[in-house]
Amino acid sequence: MLNPDDSTAIIGAIAAASSAAASLGSITLATVTSTAPGILGVLGFTTTTVVALPAAAIVATVGLAVFGVTTVLCN
C-alpha cells in the first residue's frame, strides 16, 4: 500500500520529469500536406498542417496515468 510520503515523492518525481521535458519543446504527431485553396491551388501551391503536443504535457500525462494505475492496484 502506498503511504502519503510515497505519493508525495512520486508526484514530485513526475513534476521534475515534466520540467526536464519542457526543454525538449514539442513532439510532432502528424504532418498533413494538401492542395492550397483557390487560385493558389491551381498554381500548384500546397499547405502543410502540423499536429504537435508539448513534450512536458505528454510526460506529465503518462506519469500521472501510471501513478493512478499504481495507486489503484496497490491499495
C-alpha atoms as a PDB file:
ATOM      1  CA  MET A   1       0.000   0.000   0.000  1.00  0.00           C
ATOM      2  CA  LEU A   2       1.273   3.489  -0.812  1.00  0.00           C
ATOM      3  CA  ASN A   3       1.559   5.847   2.112  1.00  0.00           C
ATOM      4  CA  PRO A   4       1.250   9.650   1.765  1.00  0.00           C
ATOM      5  CA  ASP A   5       5.045  10.072   1.833  1.00  0.00           C
ATOM      6  CA  ASP A   6       5.419   7.743  -1.147  1.00  0.00           C
ATOM      7  CA  SER A   7       2.683   9.582  -3.028  1.00  0.00           C
ATOM      8  CA  THR A   8       4.339  12.952  -2.426  1.00  0.00           C
ATOM      9  CA  ALA A   9       7.684  11.636  -3.645  1.00  0.00           C
ATOM     10  CA  ILE A  10       6.140  10.117  -6.760  1.00  0.00           C
ATOM     11  CA  ILE A  11       4.225  13.301  -7.654  1.00  0.00           C
ATOM     12  CA  GLY A  12       7.450  15.272  -7.091  1.00  0.00           C
ATOM     13  CA  ALA A  13       9.309  12.954  -9.470  1.00  0.00           C
ATOM     14  CA  ILE A  14       6.592  13.376 -12.105  1.00  0.00           C
ATOM     15  CA  ALA A  15       6.810  17.161 -11.750  1.00  0.00           C
ATOM     16  CA  ALA A  16      10.606  17.044 -12.073  1.00  0.00           C
ATOM     17  CA  ALA A  17      10.403  14.865 -15.178  1.00  0.00           C
ATOM     18  CA  SER A  18       7.843  17.206 -16.726  1.00  0.00           C
ATOM     19  CA  SER A  19      10.073  20.195 -16.037  1.00  0.00           C
ATOM     20  CA  ALA A  20      13.035  18.436 -17.616  1.00  0.00           C
ATOM     21  CA  ALA A  21      10.955  17.538 -20.667  1.00  0.00           C
ATOM     22  CA  ALA A  22       9.895  21.160 -21.117  1.00  0.00           C
ATOM     23  CA  SER A  23      13.250  21.877 -22.746  1.00  0.00           C
ATOM     24  CA  LEU A  24      12.506  19.268 -25.406  1.00  0.00           C
ATOM     25  CA  GLY A  25       9.881  21.507 -26.997  1.00  0.00           C
ATOM     26  CA  SER A  26       7.131  19.607 -28.745  1.00  0.00           C
ATOM     27  CA  ILE A  27       6.544  16.196 -30.271  1.00  0.00           C
ATOM     28  CA  THR A  28       5.106  16.105 -33.788  1.00  0.00           C
ATOM     29  CA  LEU A  29       2.276  13.606 -34.079  1.00  0.00           C
ATOM     30  CA  ALA A  30       1.258  14.213 -37.694  1.00  0.00           C
ATOM     31  CA  THR A  31       2.078  16.346 -40.711  1.00  0.00           C
ATOM     32  CA  VAL A  32      -0.631  16.722 -43.351  1.00  0.00           C
ATOM     33  CA  THR A  33       0.049  18.346 -46.723  1.00  0.00           C
ATOM     34  CA  SER A  34      -2.816  19.292 -49.020  1.00  0.00           C
ATOM     35  CA  THR A  35      -3.512  21.462 -52.033  1.00  0.00           C
ATOM     36  CA  ALA A  36      -3.957  25.127 -51.258  1.00  0.00           C
ATOM     37  CA  PRO A  37      -7.472  26.507 -51.769  1.00  0.00           C
ATOM     38  CA  GLY A  38      -8.486  28.704 -54.684  1.00  0.00           C
ATOM     39  CA  ILE A  39      -6.142  30.142 -57.283  1.00  0.00           C
ATOM     40  CA  LEU A  40      -3.074  29.181 -55.251  1.00  0.00           C
ATOM     41  CA  GLY A  41      -4.054  25.520 -55.570  1.00  0.00           C
ATOM     42  CA  VAL A  42      -4.428  25.927 -59.309  1.00  0.00           C
ATOM     43  CA  LEU A  43      -0.929  27.389 -59.419  1.00  0.00           C
ATOM     44  CA  GLY A  44       0.384  24.325 -57.577  1.00  0.00           C
ATOM     45  CA  PHE A  45       0.833  25.677 -54.066  1.00  0.00           C
ATOM     46  CA  THR A  46       0.231  23.457 -51.046  1.00  0.00           C
ATOM     47  CA  THR A  47      -0.487  23.975 -47.369  1.00  0.00           C
ATOM     48  CA  THR A  48       1.002  21.979 -44.525  1.00  0.00           C
ATOM     49  CA  THR A  49      -0.676  21.372 -41.182  1.00  0.00           C
ATOM     50  CA  VAL A  50       1.367  20.094 -38.256  1.00  0.00           C
ATOM     51  CA  VAL A  51      -0.212  18.456 -35.201  1.00  0.00           C
ATOM     52  CA  ALA A  52       2.176  18.705 -32.253  1.00  0.00           C
ATOM     53  CA  LEU A  53       1.931  18.398 -28.476  1.00  0.00           C
ATOM     54  CA  PRO A  54       4.278  19.814 -25.844  1.00  0.00           C
ATOM     55  CA  ALA A  55       6.679  17.127 -24.585  1.00  0.00           C
ATOM     56  CA  ALA A  56       6.142  18.186 -20.971  1.00  0.00           C
ATOM     57  CA  ALA A  57       2.396  17.578 -21.252  1.00  0.00           C
ATOM     58  CA  ILE A  58       2.948  14.068 -22.584  1.00  0.00           C
ATOM     59  CA  VAL A  59       5.423  13.222 -19.808  1.00  0.00           C
ATOM     60  CA  ALA A  60       3.094  14.602 -17.124  1.00  0.00           C
ATOM     61  CA  THR A  61       0.041  12.783 -18.511  1.00  0.00           C
ATOM     62  CA  VAL A  62       1.809   9.436 -18.751  1.00  0.00           C
ATOM     63  CA  GLY A  63       3.339   9.864 -15.297  1.00  0.00           C
ATOM     64  CA  LEU A  64       0.015  10.683 -13.682  1.00  0.00           C
ATOM     65  CA  ALA A  65      -1.714   7.820 -15.510  1.00  0.00           C
ATOM     66  CA  VAL A  66       0.881   5.334 -14.273  1.00  0.00           C
ATOM     67  CA  PHE A  67       0.631   6.802 -10.775  1.00  0.00           C
ATOM     68  CA  GLY A  68      -3.170   6.358 -10.879  1.00  0.00           C
ATOM     69  CA  VAL A  69      -2.918   2.747 -12.021  1.00  0.00           C
ATOM     70  CA  THR A  70      -0.280   2.028  -9.372  1.00  0.00           C
ATOM     71  CA  THR A  71      -2.429   3.620  -6.678  1.00  0.00           C
ATOM     72  CA  VAL A  72      -5.455   1.551  -7.661  1.00  0.00           C
ATOM     73  CA  LEU A  73      -3.515  -1.718  -7.872  1.00  0.00           C
ATOM     74  CA  CYS A  74      -1.527  -1.195  -4.663  1.00  0.00           C
ATOM     75  CA  ASN A  75      -4.447  -0.136  -2.439  1.00  0.00           C
END
